[in-house]
Amino acid sequence: MNRKELLEAIDKKYTAMGQDPDVHLAGLLYAEPMQYWDFIQVDALLGLQTQRTQLPDEMVFIMYHQINELLFKMILWEMNQISHTKNIQPSKFEMHLMRVSRYFDMLSNSFDIMSEGMEIEQYMKFRMTLTPASGFQSAQYRKIEIASTELINLIDFRFRKTINRETPYEHAFDYMYWQAAGKDHTTGKKSKLMINFEDKYKKELIEWMKEYNTVNLWTKFKELPNEYQQNKDLINAMRHYDHTVNIDWVMHHYNAAAKYLDSGNVNVEATGGSDWHKYMHPRYQRRIFFPELWSTEELENWGVTNLEGYRKNT
């Protein structure tokens, strides 16, 4: 586009907005040039790390989880474009889904930073200052799960027969699989971790459940024309995402936790107080976003064996 065409395009754009193009051009004349540190907000970003102890490796822990939250935001950004695009084509569906999977691949492969990047002795000390906080309380991760599949697939499998389309969202919320990590199973009372989490996010998450009830990835896929649902590349992308989130990423997290929590200490709980062995392992959770895209054998062995060939629909 040459200068004349560019000016004509600018004139057309701002005129259509009811704005005077000359005012915007004058503003450009006086504007300061963009700097990298201003665009990325580097100073603000680097000022968000506040330690609660004097142990150096706590800083690793803080920054690592902040990076996770940034990646979760990127994932939600991509999922939104799938869910809220009408008459989405399989190529666009696959493109955004593979972006999401790459972000989760990055998350999965990053756990060496945790397992090899902190001294066990330091971690076992500074983790006490985190109680009752827990990575469980990442609302963005809960939003990712809710936007991925129908709510029934996130309900604790022991109670799924009691939940249906007519179930109030508040009731379904109380039976989400992750509720098990926030209850004392001898008394049935919610832990401080869960109470704090719900005080902060329950209303917001229920509204999110309502928004994604009919536009989550699984429902969106099942509403595609049949020929699109048979698209091999899209099916492979769906399976890759499901496996990456619900087995790969979970097991990397599990193994990283095991290095510290099983490091010679007996019955060490997660900072939130949960039995993390059973809570985290996929063979117990059996969280599967797209169940109909897996064979009976694959479903039976979910989280027990590595699903060879999961990237290909056989």
C-alpha atoms as a PDB file:
ATOM      1  CA  MET A   1       0.000   0.000   0.000  1.00  0.00           C
ATOM      2  CA  ASN A   2       1.547   3.320  -1.068  1.00  0.00           C
ATOM      3  CA  ARG A   3       1.274   6.553   0.913  1.00  0.00           C
ATOM      4  CA  LYS A   4      -1.753   7.836  -0.971  1.00  0.00           C
ATOM      5  CA  GLU A   5      -3.631   4.576  -0.503  1.00  0.00           C
ATOM      6  CA  LEU A   6      -2.649   4.503   3.155  1.00  0.00           C
ATOM      7  CA  LEU A   7      -3.967   8.017   3.784  1.00  0.00           C
ATOM      8  CA  GLU A   8      -7.185   7.204   1.940  1.00  0.00           C
ATOM      9  CA  ALA A   9      -7.633   4.088   4.075  1.00  0.00           C
ATOM     10  CA  ILE A  10      -7.047   6.082   7.266  1.00  0.00           C
ATOM     11  CA  ASP A  11      -9.530   8.711   6.120  1.00  0.00           C
ATOM     12  CA  LYS A  12     -12.123   6.034   5.350  1.00  0.00           C
ATOM     13  CA  LYS A  13     -11.610   4.248   8.674  1.00  0.00           C
ATOM     14  CA  TYR A  14     -12.010   7.284  10.930  1.00  0.00           C
ATOM     15  CA  THR A  15     -14.790   8.861   8.861  1.00  0.00           C
ATOM     16  CA  ALA A  16     -16.788   5.626   9.256  1.00  0.00           C
ATOM     17  CA  MET A  17     -16.256   5.920  13.018  1.00  0.00           C
ATOM     18  CA  GLY A  18     -17.577   9.487  12.999  1.00  0.00           C
ATOM     19  CA  GLN A  19     -14.099  10.771  13.809  1.00  0.00           C
ATOM     20  CA  ASP A  20     -12.064  13.501  12.156  1.00  0.00           C
ATOM     21  CA  PRO A  21      -9.099  11.761  10.423  1.00  0.00           C
ATOM     22  CA  ASP A  22      -6.998  14.928  10.624  1.00  0.00           C
ATOM     23  CA  VAL A  23      -7.249  14.959  14.427  1.00  0.00           C
ATOM     24  CA  HIS A  24      -5.897  11.409  14.605  1.00  0.00           C
ATOM     25  CA  LEU A  25      -3.107  12.215  12.157  1.00  0.00           C
ATOM     26  CA  ALA A  26      -2.182  15.250  14.250  1.00  0.00           C
ATOM     27  CA  GLY A  27      -2.115  13.048  17.337  1.00  0.00           C
ATOM     28  CA  LEU A  28       0.274  10.693  15.556  1.00  0.00           C
ATOM     29  CA  LEU A  29       2.534  13.635  14.773  1.00  0.00           C
ATOM     30  CA  TYR A  30       2.977  14.453  18.457  1.00  0.00           C
ATOM     31  CA  ALA A  31       2.962  10.939  19.864  1.00  0.00           C
ATOM     32  CA  GLU A  32       6.114   9.470  21.376  1.00  0.00           C
ATOM     33  CA  PRO A  33       7.524   6.404  19.580  1.00  0.00           C
ATOM     34  CA  MET A  34       6.652   3.058  21.166  1.00  0.00           C
ATOM     35  CA  GLN A  35       9.324   1.452  23.345  1.00  0.00           C
ATOM     36  CA  TYR A  36       9.568  -2.284  24.034  1.00  0.00           C
ATOM     37  CA  TRP A  37       9.527  -1.818  27.811  1.00  0.00           C
ATOM     38  CA  ASP A  38       6.365   0.310  27.613  1.00  0.00           C
ATOM     39  CA  PHE A  39       4.532  -2.043  25.244  1.00  0.00           C
ATOM     40  CA  ILE A  40       5.337  -5.139  27.342  1.00  0.00           C
ATOM     41  CA  GLN A  41       5.007  -3.243  30.649  1.00  0.00           C
ATOM     42  CA  VAL A  42       8.298  -4.740  31.789  1.00  0.00           C
ATOM     43  CA  ASP A  43       8.675  -2.668  34.958  1.00  0.00           C
ATOM     44  CA  ALA A  44       5.174  -3.586  36.168  1.00  0.00           C
ATOM     45  CA  LEU A  45       5.675  -7.246  35.281  1.00  0.00           C
ATOM     46  CA  LEU A  46       8.990  -7.522  37.099  1.00  0.00           C
ATOM     47  CA  GLY A  47       7.564  -5.791  40.148  1.00  0.00           C
ATOM     48  CA  LEU A  48       5.002  -8.520  40.837  1.00  0.00           C
ATOM     49  CA  GLN A  49       7.291 -10.950  42.670  1.00  0.00           C
ATOM     50  CA  THR A  50       7.036 -10.595  46.452  1.00  0.00           C
ATOM     51  CA  GLN A  51       8.609 -13.207  48.710  1.00  0.00           C
ATOM     52  CA  ARG A  52       7.190 -14.130  52.097  1.00  0.00           C
ATOM     53  CA  THR A  53      10.481 -15.649  53.302  1.00  0.00           C
ATOM     54  CA  GLN A  54      14.219 -15.063  52.856  1.00  0.00           C
ATOM     55  CA  LEU A  55      14.693 -18.421  51.118  1.00  0.00           C
ATOM     56  CA  PRO A  56      16.042 -17.783  47.587  1.00  0.00           C
ATOM     57  CA  ASP A  57      14.211 -20.655  45.877  1.00  0.00           C
ATOM     58  CA  GLU A  58      10.856 -19.213  46.856  1.00  0.00           C
ATOM     59  CA  MET A  59      11.425 -16.700  44.049  1.00  0.00           C
ATOM     60  CA  VAL A  60      11.670 -19.578  41.555  1.00  0.00           C
ATOM     61  CA  PHE A  61       8.363 -20.937  42.838  1.00  0.00           C
ATOM     62  CA  ILE A  62       6.622 -17.558  42.564  1.00  0.00           C
ATOM     63  CA  MET A  63       7.829 -16.740  39.058  1.00  0.00           C
ATOM     64  CA  TYR A  64       7.127 -20.237  37.776  1.00  0.00           C
ATOM     65  CA  HIS A  65       3.488 -20.043  38.844  1.00  0.00           C
ATOM     66  CA  GLN A  66       3.110 -16.537  37.474  1.00  0.00           C
ATOM     67  CA  ILE A  67       4.339 -17.823  34.106  1.00  0.00           C
ATOM     68  CA  ASN A  68       1.735 -20.597  34.351  1.00  0.00           C
ATOM     69  CA  GLU A  69      -1.016 -18.049  34.883  1.00  0.00           C
ATOM     70  CA  LEU A  70       0.133 -16.059  31.843  1.00  0.00           C
ATOM     71  CA  LEU A  71      -0.004 -19.221  29.751  1.00  0.00           C
ATOM     72  CA  PHE A  72      -3.463 -20.006  31.116  1.00  0.00           C
ATOM     73  CA  LYS A  73      -4.555 -16.560  29.928  1.00  0.00           C
ATOM     74  CA  MET A  74      -3.147 -17.307  26.458  1.00  0.00           C
ATOM     75  CA  ILE A  75      -5.042 -20.618  26.439  1.00  0.00           C
ATOM     76  CA  LEU A  76      -8.337 -18.962  27.365  1.00  0.00           C
ATOM     77  CA  TRP A  77      -7.752 -16.356  24.649  1.00  0.00           C
ATOM     78  CA  GLU A  78      -7.511 -19.102  22.015  1.00  0.00           C
ATOM     79  CA  MET A  79     -10.448 -21.090  23.393  1.00  0.00           C
ATOM     80  CA  ASN A  80     -12.641 -18.015  23.282  1.00  0.00           C
ATOM     81  CA  GLN A  81     -12.000 -17.708  19.548  1.00  0.00           C
ATOM     82  CA  ILE A  82     -13.195 -21.273  18.973  1.00  0.00           C
ATOM     83  CA  SER A  83     -16.226 -21.051  21.228  1.00  0.00           C
ATOM     84  CA  HIS A  84     -17.515 -17.716  20.003  1.00  0.00           C
ATOM     85  CA  THR A  85     -16.948 -18.112  16.259  1.00  0.00           C
ATOM     86  CA  LYS A  86     -20.183 -18.980  14.484  1.00  0.00           C
ATOM     87  CA  ASN A  87     -20.081 -21.646  11.753  1.00  0.00           C
ATOM     88  CA  ILE A  88     -16.435 -22.309  12.544  1.00  0.00           C
ATOM     89  CA  GLN A  89     -14.462 -24.176   9.893  1.00  0.00           C
ATOM     90  CA  PRO A  90     -12.456 -27.263  10.945  1.00  0.00           C
ATOM     91  CA  SER A  91      -9.182 -25.618   9.881  1.00  0.00           C
ATOM     92  CA  LYS A  92      -9.762 -22.667  12.234  1.00  0.00           C
ATOM     93  CA  PHE A  93     -10.951 -24.986  15.029  1.00  0.00           C
ATOM     94  CA  GLU A  94      -7.789 -27.081  14.635  1.00  0.00           C
ATOM     95  CA  MET A  95      -5.493 -24.056  14.385  1.00  0.00           C
ATOM     96  CA  HIS A  96      -6.587 -22.559  17.700  1.00  0.00           C
ATOM     97  CA  LEU A  97      -6.744 -25.947  19.409  1.00  0.00           C
ATOM     98  CA  MET A  98      -3.174 -26.773  18.399  1.00  0.00           C
ATOM     99  CA  ARG A  99      -2.057 -23.402  19.750  1.00  0.00           C
ATOM    100  CA  VAL A 100      -3.667 -24.366  23.055  1.00  0.00           C
ATOM    101  CA  SER A 101      -1.958 -27.770  22.984  1.00  0.00           C
ATOM    102  CA  ARG A 102       1.424 -26.173  22.359  1.00  0.00           C
ATOM    103  CA  TYR A 103       0.913 -23.953  25.389  1.00  0.00           C
ATOM    104  CA  PHE A 104       0.083 -27.030  27.460  1.00  0.00           C
ATOM    105  CA  ASP A 105       3.055 -28.898  25.972  1.00  0.00           C
ATOM    106  CA  MET A 106       5.178 -26.014  27.208  1.00  0.00           C
ATOM    107  CA  LEU A 107       3.570 -26.275  30.646  1.00  0.00           C
ATOM    108  CA  SER A 108       4.164 -30.031  30.744  1.00  0.00           C
ATOM    109  CA  ASN A 109       7.789 -29.746  29.720  1.00  0.00           C
ATOM    110  CA  SER A 110       8.425 -26.937  32.167  1.00  0.00           C
ATOM    111  CA  PHE A 111       8.125 -29.041  35.309  1.00  0.00           C
ATOM    112  CA  ASP A 112      11.868 -29.687  35.329  1.00  0.00           C
ATOM    113  CA  ILE A 113      12.092 -26.079  36.467  1.00  0.00           C
ATOM    114  CA  MET A 114      10.213 -27.173  39.571  1.00  0.00           C
ATOM    115  CA  SER A 115      11.658 -30.650  40.090  1.00  0.00           C
ATOM    116  CA  GLU A 116      15.273 -29.620  39.443  1.00  0.00           C
ATOM    117  CA  GLY A 117      15.130 -25.918  40.204  1.00  0.00           C
ATOM    118  CA  MET A 118      14.513 -25.827  43.942  1.00  0.00           C
ATOM    119  CA  GLU A 119      16.358 -27.335  46.884  1.00  0.00           C
ATOM    120  CA  ILE A 120      14.100 -29.753  48.727  1.00  0.00           C
ATOM    121  CA  GLU A 121      15.117 -28.357  52.105  1.00  0.00           C
ATOM    122  CA  GLN A 122      14.213 -24.813  51.060  1.00  0.00           C
ATOM    123  CA  TYR A 123      10.900 -25.865  49.526  1.00  0.00           C
ATOM    124  CA  MET A 124       9.838 -27.811  52.610  1.00  0.00           C
ATOM    125  CA  LYS A 125      10.370 -24.637  54.650  1.00  0.00           C
ATOM    126  CA  PHE A 126       8.853 -21.895  52.527  1.00  0.00           C
ATOM    127  CA  ARG A 127       5.845 -24.016  51.545  1.00  0.00           C
ATOM    128  CA  MET A 128       4.626 -23.685  55.119  1.00  0.00           C
ATOM    129  CA  THR A 129       4.147 -19.953  54.592  1.00  0.00           C
ATOM    130  CA  LEU A 130       1.764 -20.714  51.710  1.00  0.00           C
ATOM    131  CA  THR A 131      -0.801 -22.639  53.768  1.00  0.00           C
ATOM    132  CA  PRO A 132      -3.704 -22.816  53.027  1.00  0.00           C
ATOM    133  CA  ALA A 133      -3.018 -21.456  49.536  1.00  0.00           C
ATOM    134  CA  SER A 134      -2.655 -23.963  46.705  1.00  0.00           C
ATOM    135  CA  GLY A 135      -2.324 -24.137  42.934  1.00  0.00           C
ATOM    136  CA  PHE A 136      -5.766 -25.723  43.208  1.00  0.00           C
ATOM    137  CA  GLN A 137      -7.040 -22.156  43.573  1.00  0.00           C
ATOM    138  CA  SER A 138      -6.166 -21.135  40.021  1.00  0.00           C
ATOM    139  CA  ALA A 139      -9.514 -19.869  38.735  1.00  0.00           C
ATOM    140  CA  GLN A 140      -8.111 -19.597  35.225  1.00  0.00           C
ATOM    141  CA  TYR A 141      -7.363 -23.321  35.165  1.00  0.00           C
ATOM    142  CA  ARG A 142     -10.913 -24.086  36.320  1.00  0.00           C
ATOM    143  CA  LYS A 143     -12.189 -21.869  33.514  1.00  0.00           C
ATOM    144  CA  ILE A 144     -10.079 -23.810  31.007  1.00  0.00           C
ATOM    145  CA  GLU A 145     -11.647 -27.071  32.171  1.00  0.00           C
ATOM    146  CA  ILE A 146     -15.178 -25.674  32.039  1.00  0.00           C
ATOM    147  CA  ALA A 147     -14.606 -24.228  28.554  1.00  0.00           C
ATOM    148  CA  SER A 148     -13.217 -27.557  27.339  1.00  0.00           C
ATOM    149  CA  THR A 149     -16.083 -29.971  27.903  1.00  0.00           C
ATOM    150  CA  GLU A 150     -19.615 -30.550  29.093  1.00  0.00           C
ATOM    151  CA  LEU A 151     -20.020 -30.186  32.840  1.00  0.00           C
ATOM    152  CA  ILE A 152     -20.944 -33.848  33.302  1.00  0.00           C
ATOM    153  CA  ASN A 153     -17.363 -34.761  32.345  1.00  0.00           C
ATOM    154  CA  LEU A 154     -16.056 -32.612  35.211  1.00  0.00           C
ATOM    155  CA  ILE A 155     -18.405 -34.025  37.831  1.00  0.00           C
ATOM    156  CA  ASP A 156     -16.878 -36.455  40.341  1.00  0.00           C
ATOM    157  CA  PHE A 157     -17.546 -39.792  38.637  1.00  0.00           C
ATOM    158  CA  ARG A 158     -19.113 -41.135  41.852  1.00  0.00           C
ATOM    159  CA  PHE A 159     -21.981 -38.635  41.525  1.00  0.00           C
ATOM    160  CA  ARG A 160     -22.492 -38.346  37.773  1.00  0.00           C
ATOM    161  CA  LYS A 161     -25.734 -40.342  37.803  1.00  0.00           C
ATOM    162  CA  THR A 162     -27.280 -37.676  40.046  1.00  0.00           C
ATOM    163  CA  ILE A 163     -26.496 -34.827  37.625  1.00  0.00           C
ATOM    164  CA  ASN A 164     -28.339 -33.949  34.410  1.00  0.00           C
ATOM    165  CA  ARG A 165     -29.205 -30.976  32.204  1.00  0.00           C
ATOM    166  CA  GLU A 166     -31.861 -29.832  34.663  1.00  0.00           C
ATOM    167  CA  THR A 167     -29.441 -29.725  37.607  1.00  0.00           C
ATOM    168  CA  PRO A 168     -28.908 -26.161  38.927  1.00  0.00           C
ATOM    169  CA  TYR A 169     -25.415 -24.849  38.243  1.00  0.00           C
ATOM    170  CA  GLU A 170     -24.818 -24.280  41.960  1.00  0.00           C
ATOM    171  CA  HIS A 171     -25.517 -27.963  42.658  1.00  0.00           C
ATOM    172  CA  ALA A 172     -23.252 -29.113  39.822  1.00  0.00           C
ATOM    173  CA  PHE A 173     -20.529 -26.815  41.144  1.00  0.00           C
ATOM    174  CA  ASP A 174     -20.624 -28.587  44.503  1.00  0.00           C
ATOM    175  CA  TYR A 175     -19.955 -31.934  42.804  1.00  0.00           C
ATOM    176  CA  MET A 176     -17.129 -30.923  40.474  1.00  0.00           C
ATOM    177  CA  TYR A 177     -14.283 -33.444  40.690  1.00  0.00           C
ATOM    178  CA  TRP A 178     -11.934 -30.986  42.354  1.00  0.00           C
ATOM    179  CA  GLN A 179     -14.265 -30.545  45.320  1.00  0.00           C
ATOM    180  CA  ALA A 180     -12.751 -33.748  46.699  1.00  0.00           C
ATOM    181  CA  ALA A 181      -9.488 -31.914  47.340  1.00  0.00           C
ATOM    182  CA  GLY A 182     -11.181 -29.357  49.540  1.00  0.00           C
ATOM    183  CA  LYS A 183     -13.145 -31.463  51.989  1.00  0.00           C
ATOM    184  CA  ASP A 184     -12.397 -33.305  55.184  1.00  0.00           C
ATOM    185  CA  HIS A 185     -13.755 -36.747  54.308  1.00  0.00           C
ATOM    186  CA  THR A 186     -14.295 -37.675  57.948  1.00  0.00           C
ATOM    187  CA  THR A 187     -16.513 -34.655  58.700  1.00  0.00           C
ATOM    188  CA  GLY A 188     -17.655 -33.636  55.215  1.00  0.00           C
ATOM    189  CA  LYS A 189     -16.759 -30.037  56.014  1.00  0.00           C
ATOM    190  CA  LYS A 190     -15.001 -27.828  53.497  1.00  0.00           C
ATOM    191  CA  SER A 191     -11.402 -26.900  54.171  1.00  0.00           C
ATOM    192  CA  LYS A 192     -10.160 -23.345  54.529  1.00  0.00           C
ATOM    193  CA  LEU A 193      -8.615 -23.728  51.063  1.00  0.00           C
ATOM    194  CA  MET A 194     -12.064 -24.389  49.559  1.00  0.00           C
ATOM    195  CA  ILE A 195     -13.850 -21.757  51.620  1.00  0.00           C
ATOM    196  CA  ASN A 196     -11.379 -19.080  50.531  1.00  0.00           C
ATOM    197  CA  PHE A 197     -11.545 -20.205  46.890  1.00  0.00           C
ATOM    198  CA  GLU A 198     -15.333 -20.156  46.772  1.00  0.00           C
ATOM    199  CA  ASP A 199     -15.562 -16.797  48.537  1.00  0.00           C
ATOM    200  CA  LYS A 200     -13.351 -15.359  45.834  1.00  0.00           C
ATOM    201  CA  TYR A 201     -14.441 -17.196  42.679  1.00  0.00           C
ATOM    202  CA  LYS A 202     -17.647 -19.249  43.050  1.00  0.00           C
ATOM    203  CA  LYS A 203     -19.986 -16.622  41.611  1.00  0.00           C
ATOM    204  CA  GLU A 204     -17.593 -15.884  38.749  1.00  0.00           C
ATOM    205  CA  LEU A 205     -17.135 -19.576  37.919  1.00  0.00           C
ATOM    206  CA  ILE A 206     -20.856 -20.276  37.930  1.00  0.00           C
ATOM    207  CA  GLU A 207     -21.361 -17.448  35.451  1.00  0.00           C
ATOM    208  CA  TRP A 208     -18.572 -18.992  33.372  1.00  0.00           C
ATOM    209  CA  MET A 209     -20.350 -22.361  33.514  1.00  0.00           C
ATOM    210  CA  LYS A 210     -23.489 -20.736  32.156  1.00  0.00           C
ATOM    211  CA  GLU A 211     -21.612 -18.981  29.358  1.00  0.00           C
ATOM    212  CA  TYR A 212     -19.817 -22.113  28.176  1.00  0.00           C
ATOM    213  CA  ASN A 213     -22.669 -24.548  28.703  1.00  0.00           C
ATOM    214  CA  THR A 214     -23.420 -24.622  24.966  1.00  0.00           C
ATOM    215  CA  VAL A 215     -20.173 -23.342  23.471  1.00  0.00           C
ATOM    216  CA  ASN A 216     -17.531 -25.445  25.240  1.00  0.00           C
ATOM    217  CA  LEU A 217     -15.094 -27.216  22.901  1.00  0.00           C
ATOM    218  CA  TRP A 218     -16.798 -30.612  23.127  1.00  0.00           C
ATOM    219  CA  THR A 219     -20.297 -29.280  22.455  1.00  0.00           C
ATOM    220  CA  LYS A 220     -18.929 -27.051  19.714  1.00  0.00           C
ATOM    221  CA  PHE A 221     -17.296 -30.074  18.061  1.00  0.00           C
ATOM    222  CA  LYS A 222     -20.451 -32.216  18.290  1.00  0.00           C
ATOM    223  CA  GLU A 223     -22.502 -29.468  16.645  1.00  0.00           C
ATOM    224  CA  LEU A 224     -20.235 -29.315  13.601  1.00  0.00           C
ATOM    225  CA  PRO A 225     -21.575 -30.791  10.351  1.00  0.00           C
ATOM    226  CA  ASN A 226     -20.895 -34.536  10.227  1.00  0.00           C
ATOM    227  CA  GLU A 227     -18.276 -34.165   7.505  1.00  0.00           C
ATOM    228  CA  TYR A 228     -16.334 -31.746   9.722  1.00  0.00           C
ATOM    229  CA  GLN A 229     -16.546 -34.145  12.662  1.00  0.00           C
ATOM    230  CA  GLN A 230     -14.843 -36.759  10.478  1.00  0.00           C
ATOM    231  CA  ASN A 231     -11.902 -34.450   9.742  1.00  0.00           C
ATOM    232  CA  LYS A 232      -8.843 -36.457  10.810  1.00  0.00           C
ATOM    233  CA  ASP A 233      -6.669 -33.449  11.544  1.00  0.00           C
ATOM    234  CA  LEU A 234      -9.314 -31.965  13.809  1.00  0.00           C
ATOM    235  CA  ILE A 235      -9.923 -35.293  15.583  1.00  0.00           C
ATOM    236  CA  ASN A 236      -6.183 -35.713  16.148  1.00  0.00           C
ATOM    237  CA  ALA A 237      -5.989 -32.164  17.519  1.00  0.00           C
ATOM    238  CA  MET A 238      -8.857 -32.909  19.922  1.00  0.00           C
ATOM    239  CA  ARG A 239      -7.234 -36.128  21.135  1.00  0.00           C
ATOM    240  CA  HIS A 240      -3.848 -34.468  21.470  1.00  0.00           C
ATOM    241  CA  TYR A 241      -5.331 -31.691  23.602  1.00  0.00           C
ATOM    242  CA  ASP A 242      -7.271 -34.120  25.810  1.00  0.00           C
ATOM    243  CA  HIS A 243      -4.225 -36.317  26.423  1.00  0.00           C
ATOM    244  CA  THR A 244      -1.865 -33.392  26.926  1.00  0.00           C
ATOM    245  CA  VAL A 245      -4.037 -31.714  29.572  1.00  0.00           C
ATOM    246  CA  ASN A 246      -5.486 -34.709  31.378  1.00  0.00           C
ATOM    247  CA  ILE A 247      -2.538 -37.113  31.351  1.00  0.00           C
ATOM    248  CA  ASP A 248       0.760 -35.520  30.273  1.00  0.00           C
ATOM    249  CA  TRP A 249       0.485 -32.245  32.168  1.00  0.00           C
ATOM    250  CA  VAL A 250      -1.098 -33.879  35.211  1.00  0.00           C
ATOM    251  CA  MET A 251       1.569 -36.592  35.429  1.00  0.00           C
ATOM    252  CA  HIS A 252       4.423 -34.097  35.052  1.00  0.00           C
ATOM    253  CA  HIS A 253       2.838 -32.121  37.889  1.00  0.00           C
ATOM    254  CA  TYR A 254       2.369 -35.297  39.941  1.00  0.00           C
ATOM    255  CA  ASN A 255       5.989 -36.377  39.477  1.00  0.00           C
ATOM    256  CA  ALA A 256       7.314 -32.922  40.359  1.00  0.00           C
ATOM    257  CA  ALA A 257       5.220 -32.912  43.547  1.00  0.00           C
ATOM    258  CA  ALA A 258       6.393 -36.429  44.402  1.00  0.00           C
ATOM    259  CA  LYS A 259      10.037 -35.363  44.405  1.00  0.00           C
ATOM    260  CA  TYR A 260       9.351 -32.938  47.234  1.00  0.00           C
ATOM    261  CA  LEU A 261       6.385 -34.380  49.106  1.00  0.00           C
ATOM    262  CA  ASP A 262       7.740 -37.948  49.051  1.00  0.00           C
ATOM    263  CA  SER A 263      11.271 -36.888  49.911  1.00  0.00           C
ATOM    264  CA  GLY A 264      11.569 -38.998  53.060  1.00  0.00           C
ATOM    265  CA  ASN A 265       8.678 -37.286  54.814  1.00  0.00           C
ATOM    266  CA  VAL A 266       5.749 -39.409  55.942  1.00  0.00           C
ATOM    267  CA  ASN A 267       2.207 -38.523  54.810  1.00  0.00           C
ATOM    268  CA  VAL A 268       3.072 -34.994  53.733  1.00  0.00           C
ATOM    269  CA  GLU A 269      -0.059 -33.184  52.584  1.00  0.00           C
ATOM    270  CA  ALA A 270      -0.297 -30.614  49.823  1.00  0.00           C
ATOM    271  CA  THR A 271      -0.317 -27.029  51.094  1.00  0.00           C
ATOM    272  CA  GLY A 272      -4.100 -27.024  50.782  1.00  0.00           C
ATOM    273  CA  GLY A 273      -4.346 -30.160  52.919  1.00  0.00           C
ATOM    274  CA  SER A 274      -5.432 -32.630  50.219  1.00  0.00           C
ATOM    275  CA  ASP A 275      -4.376 -36.246  49.680  1.00  0.00           C
ATOM    276  CA  TRP A 276      -2.486 -35.173  46.593  1.00  0.00           C
ATOM    277  CA  HIS A 277      -1.634 -38.732  45.436  1.00  0.00           C
ATOM    278  CA  LYS A 278      -5.249 -39.575  44.719  1.00  0.00           C
ATOM    279  CA  TYR A 279      -6.334 -36.066  43.860  1.00  0.00           C
ATOM    280  CA  MET A 280      -3.736 -35.550  41.138  1.00  0.00           C
ATOM    281  CA  HIS A 281      -3.321 -38.943  39.492  1.00  0.00           C
ATOM    282  CA  PRO A 282      -5.442 -39.307  36.311  1.00  0.00           C
ATOM    283  CA  ARG A 283      -6.284 -42.937  36.997  1.00  0.00           C
ATOM    284  CA  TYR A 284      -8.263 -41.743  40.030  1.00  0.00           C
ATOM    285  CA  GLN A 285      -9.692 -38.567  38.528  1.00  0.00           C
ATOM    286  CA  ARG A 286     -10.576 -40.067  35.137  1.00  0.00           C
ATOM    287  CA  ARG A 287     -11.074 -36.589  33.765  1.00  0.00           C
ATOM    288  CA  ILE A 288     -11.650 -36.895  30.012  1.00  0.00           C
ATOM    289  CA  PHE A 289     -12.825 -33.954  27.943  1.00  0.00           C
ATOM    290  CA  PHE A 290     -13.818 -35.781  24.752  1.00  0.00           C
ATOM    291  CA  PRO A 291     -14.765 -39.355  25.791  1.00  0.00           C
ATOM    292  CA  GLU A 292     -16.304 -40.393  22.481  1.00  0.00           C
ATOM    293  CA  LEU A 293     -13.036 -39.800  20.645  1.00  0.00           C
ATOM    294  CA  TRP A 294     -11.312 -42.591  22.591  1.00  0.00           C
ATOM    295  CA  SER A 295     -11.664 -46.360  22.249  1.00  0.00           C
ATOM    296  CA  THR A 296     -13.020 -48.543  25.046  1.00  0.00           C
ATOM    297  CA  GLU A 297      -9.510 -49.864  25.698  1.00  0.00           C
ATOM    298  CA  GLU A 298      -8.053 -46.361  25.862  1.00  0.00           C
ATOM    299  CA  LEU A 299     -10.736 -45.266  28.296  1.00  0.00           C
ATOM    300  CA  GLU A 300     -10.190 -48.308  30.515  1.00  0.00           C
ATOM    301  CA  ASN A 301      -6.448 -47.591  30.666  1.00  0.00           C
ATOM    302  CA  TRP A 302      -6.751 -43.847  31.163  1.00  0.00           C
ATOM    303  CA  GLY A 303      -3.805 -42.658  33.214  1.00  0.00           C
ATOM    304  CA  VAL A 304      -2.561 -46.217  33.786  1.00  0.00           C
ATOM    305  CA  THR A 305      -0.471 -46.756  30.664  1.00  0.00           C
ATOM    306  CA  ASN A 306       0.913 -44.394  28.098  1.00  0.00           C
ATOM    307  CA  LEU A 307      -1.606 -44.250  25.274  1.00  0.00           C
ATOM    308  CA  GLU A 308       0.683 -44.930  22.355  1.00  0.00           C
ATOM    309  CA  GLY A 309      -0.559 -43.382  19.161  1.00  0.00           C
ATOM    310  CA  TYR A 310      -2.950 -40.992  20.933  1.00  0.00           C
ATOM    311  CA  ARG A 311      -2.047 -38.339  18.395  1.00  0.00           C
ATOM    312  CA  LYS A 312      -3.588 -40.472  15.666  1.00  0.00           C
ATOM    313  CA  ASN A 313      -7.197 -41.539  15.476  1.00  0.00           C
ATOM    314  CA  THR A 314      -7.110 -45.290  14.933  1.00  0.00           C
END
